[in-house]
Amino acid sequence: MTQDEALQTVQRALRLTFSDPDIEVTRGTTADDIDGWDSLSHAVFMFRLEKYCGVRVPSSLASSFRDIGELVDYLVQLTGEN
């Protein structure tokens, strides 16, 4: 998975999680930038993202990403592409 593919996948997962087709994300987007992002929606988002990417994000890491960019970097690392 490339950086662009990971970012698009994250955006798709967020749009579905929050039922908002207009959500746009960048590498600098944080949970504070998206209305309604709480611990439950975060868990739903992470499960959805794992399914889309075919990876497993340890729960100890799932809440440690400072922004979407760190999450994207991690997904790219897990899938073995740059």
C-alpha atoms as a PDB file:
ATOM      1  CA  MET A   1       0.000   0.000   0.000  1.00  0.00           C
ATOM      2  CA  THR A   2       1.383   3.414  -0.949  1.00  0.00           C
ATOM      3  CA  GLN A   3       1.085   6.593   1.106  1.00  0.00           C
ATOM      4  CA  ASP A   4      -1.685   7.878  -1.182  1.00  0.00           C
ATOM      5  CA  GLU A   5      -3.582   4.587  -1.053  1.00  0.00           C
ATOM      6  CA  ALA A   6      -3.338   4.503   2.736  1.00  0.00           C
ATOM      7  CA  LEU A   7      -4.566   8.087   3.037  1.00  0.00           C
ATOM      8  CA  GLN A   8      -7.510   7.362   0.729  1.00  0.00           C
ATOM      9  CA  THR A   9      -8.350   4.217   2.703  1.00  0.00           C
ATOM     10  CA  VAL A  10      -8.265   6.127   5.982  1.00  0.00           C
ATOM     11  CA  GLN A  11     -10.534   8.787   4.505  1.00  0.00           C
ATOM     12  CA  ARG A  12     -12.967   6.146   3.220  1.00  0.00           C
ATOM     13  CA  ALA A  13     -13.075   4.450   6.637  1.00  0.00           C
ATOM     14  CA  LEU A  14     -13.685   7.776   8.375  1.00  0.00           C
ATOM     15  CA  ARG A  15     -16.462   8.726   5.954  1.00  0.00           C
ATOM     16  CA  LEU A  16     -18.256   5.454   6.661  1.00  0.00           C
ATOM     17  CA  THR A  17     -17.629   5.538  10.401  1.00  0.00           C
ATOM     18  CA  PHE A  18     -19.056   9.038  10.741  1.00  0.00           C
ATOM     19  CA  SER A  19     -21.670   8.700   7.955  1.00  0.00           C
ATOM     20  CA  ASP A  20     -20.256  11.829   6.335  1.00  0.00           C
ATOM     21  CA  PRO A  21     -19.246  11.577   2.667  1.00  0.00           C
ATOM     22  CA  ASP A  22     -17.695  15.049   2.815  1.00  0.00           C
ATOM     23  CA  ILE A  23     -14.918  14.273   5.313  1.00  0.00           C
ATOM     24  CA  GLU A  24     -11.572  15.277   3.845  1.00  0.00           C
ATOM     25  CA  VAL A  25      -8.366  14.323   5.621  1.00  0.00           C
ATOM     26  CA  THR A  26      -4.742  15.275   5.311  1.00  0.00           C
ATOM     27  CA  ARG A  27      -1.678  13.930   7.046  1.00  0.00           C
ATOM     28  CA  GLY A  28      -2.180  16.598   9.715  1.00  0.00           C
ATOM     29  CA  THR A  29      -5.807  15.750  10.509  1.00  0.00           C
ATOM     30  CA  THR A  30      -6.456  14.748  14.133  1.00  0.00           C
ATOM     31  CA  ALA A  31      -9.452  13.383  16.009  1.00  0.00           C
ATOM     32  CA  ASP A  32     -10.141  16.930  17.235  1.00  0.00           C
ATOM     33  CA  ASP A  33     -10.781  17.966  13.618  1.00  0.00           C
ATOM     34  CA  ILE A  34     -13.714  15.576  13.171  1.00  0.00           C
ATOM     35  CA  ASP A  35     -16.976  16.182  15.009  1.00  0.00           C
ATOM     36  CA  GLY A  36     -18.126  13.276  17.134  1.00  0.00           C
ATOM     37  CA  TRP A  37     -14.812  11.400  17.253  1.00  0.00           C
ATOM     38  CA  ASP A  38     -14.856   9.649  20.612  1.00  0.00           C
ATOM     39  CA  SER A  39     -13.527   6.366  21.963  1.00  0.00           C
ATOM     40  CA  LEU A  40     -16.359   4.281  20.505  1.00  0.00           C
ATOM     41  CA  SER A  41     -16.125   5.806  17.037  1.00  0.00           C
ATOM     42  CA  HIS A  42     -12.345   5.405  17.206  1.00  0.00           C
ATOM     43  CA  ALA A  43     -12.732   1.676  17.861  1.00  0.00           C
ATOM     44  CA  VAL A  44     -15.211   1.304  14.980  1.00  0.00           C
ATOM     45  CA  PHE A  45     -12.883   3.263  12.689  1.00  0.00           C
ATOM     46  CA  MET A  46      -9.862   1.139  13.608  1.00  0.00           C
ATOM     47  CA  PHE A  47     -11.749  -2.142  13.087  1.00  0.00           C
ATOM     48  CA  ARG A  48     -12.968  -0.910   9.704  1.00  0.00           C
ATOM     49  CA  LEU A  49      -9.476   0.224   8.742  1.00  0.00           C
ATOM     50  CA  GLU A  50      -7.985  -3.137   9.717  1.00  0.00           C
ATOM     51  CA  LYS A  51     -10.541  -4.879   7.530  1.00  0.00           C
ATOM     52  CA  TYR A  52      -9.879  -2.638   4.524  1.00  0.00           C
ATOM     53  CA  CYS A  53      -6.096  -2.952   4.822  1.00  0.00           C
ATOM     54  CA  GLY A  54      -5.946  -6.600   5.827  1.00  0.00           C
ATOM     55  CA  VAL A  55      -3.757  -5.798   8.826  1.00  0.00           C
ATOM     56  CA  ARG A  56      -3.962  -5.912  12.601  1.00  0.00           C
ATOM     57  CA  VAL A  57      -3.159  -2.795  14.633  1.00  0.00           C
ATOM     58  CA  PRO A  58      -2.365  -3.720  18.237  1.00  0.00           C
ATOM     59  CA  SER A  59      -4.739  -2.039  20.677  1.00  0.00           C
ATOM     60  CA  SER A  60      -1.726  -0.608  22.483  1.00  0.00           C
ATOM     61  CA  LEU A  61      -0.945   1.393  19.323  1.00  0.00           C
ATOM     62  CA  ALA A  62      -4.442   2.149  18.086  1.00  0.00           C
ATOM     63  CA  SER A  63      -4.763   5.289  20.206  1.00  0.00           C
ATOM     64  CA  SER A  64      -1.149   6.397  20.068  1.00  0.00           C
ATOM     65  CA  PHE A  65      -1.073   8.062  16.656  1.00  0.00           C
ATOM     66  CA  ARG A  66      -0.841  11.869  16.930  1.00  0.00           C
ATOM     67  CA  ASP A  67      -2.393  12.455  13.533  1.00  0.00           C
ATOM     68  CA  ILE A  68      -3.496  10.748  10.329  1.00  0.00           C
ATOM     69  CA  GLY A  69       0.028  11.022   8.937  1.00  0.00           C
ATOM     70  CA  GLU A  70       1.455   8.776  11.652  1.00  0.00           C
ATOM     71  CA  LEU A  71      -1.344   6.270  11.069  1.00  0.00           C
ATOM     72  CA  VAL A  72      -0.722   6.309   7.310  1.00  0.00           C
ATOM     73  CA  ASP A  73       3.008   5.775   7.846  1.00  0.00           C
ATOM     74  CA  TYR A  74       2.259   2.811  10.096  1.00  0.00           C
ATOM     75  CA  LEU A  75      -0.145   1.254   7.578  1.00  0.00           C
ATOM     76  CA  VAL A  76       2.413   1.607   4.793  1.00  0.00           C
ATOM     77  CA  GLN A  77       5.038   0.005   7.027  1.00  0.00           C
ATOM     78  CA  LEU A  78       2.705  -2.915   7.841  1.00  0.00           C
ATOM     79  CA  THR A  79       1.937  -3.564   4.198  1.00  0.00           C
ATOM     80  CA  GLY A  80       5.569  -3.301   3.159  1.00  0.00           C
ATOM     81  CA  GLU A  81       5.378  -0.517   0.561  1.00  0.00           C
ATOM     82  CA  ASN A  82       6.529   3.085   0.404  1.00  0.00           C
END
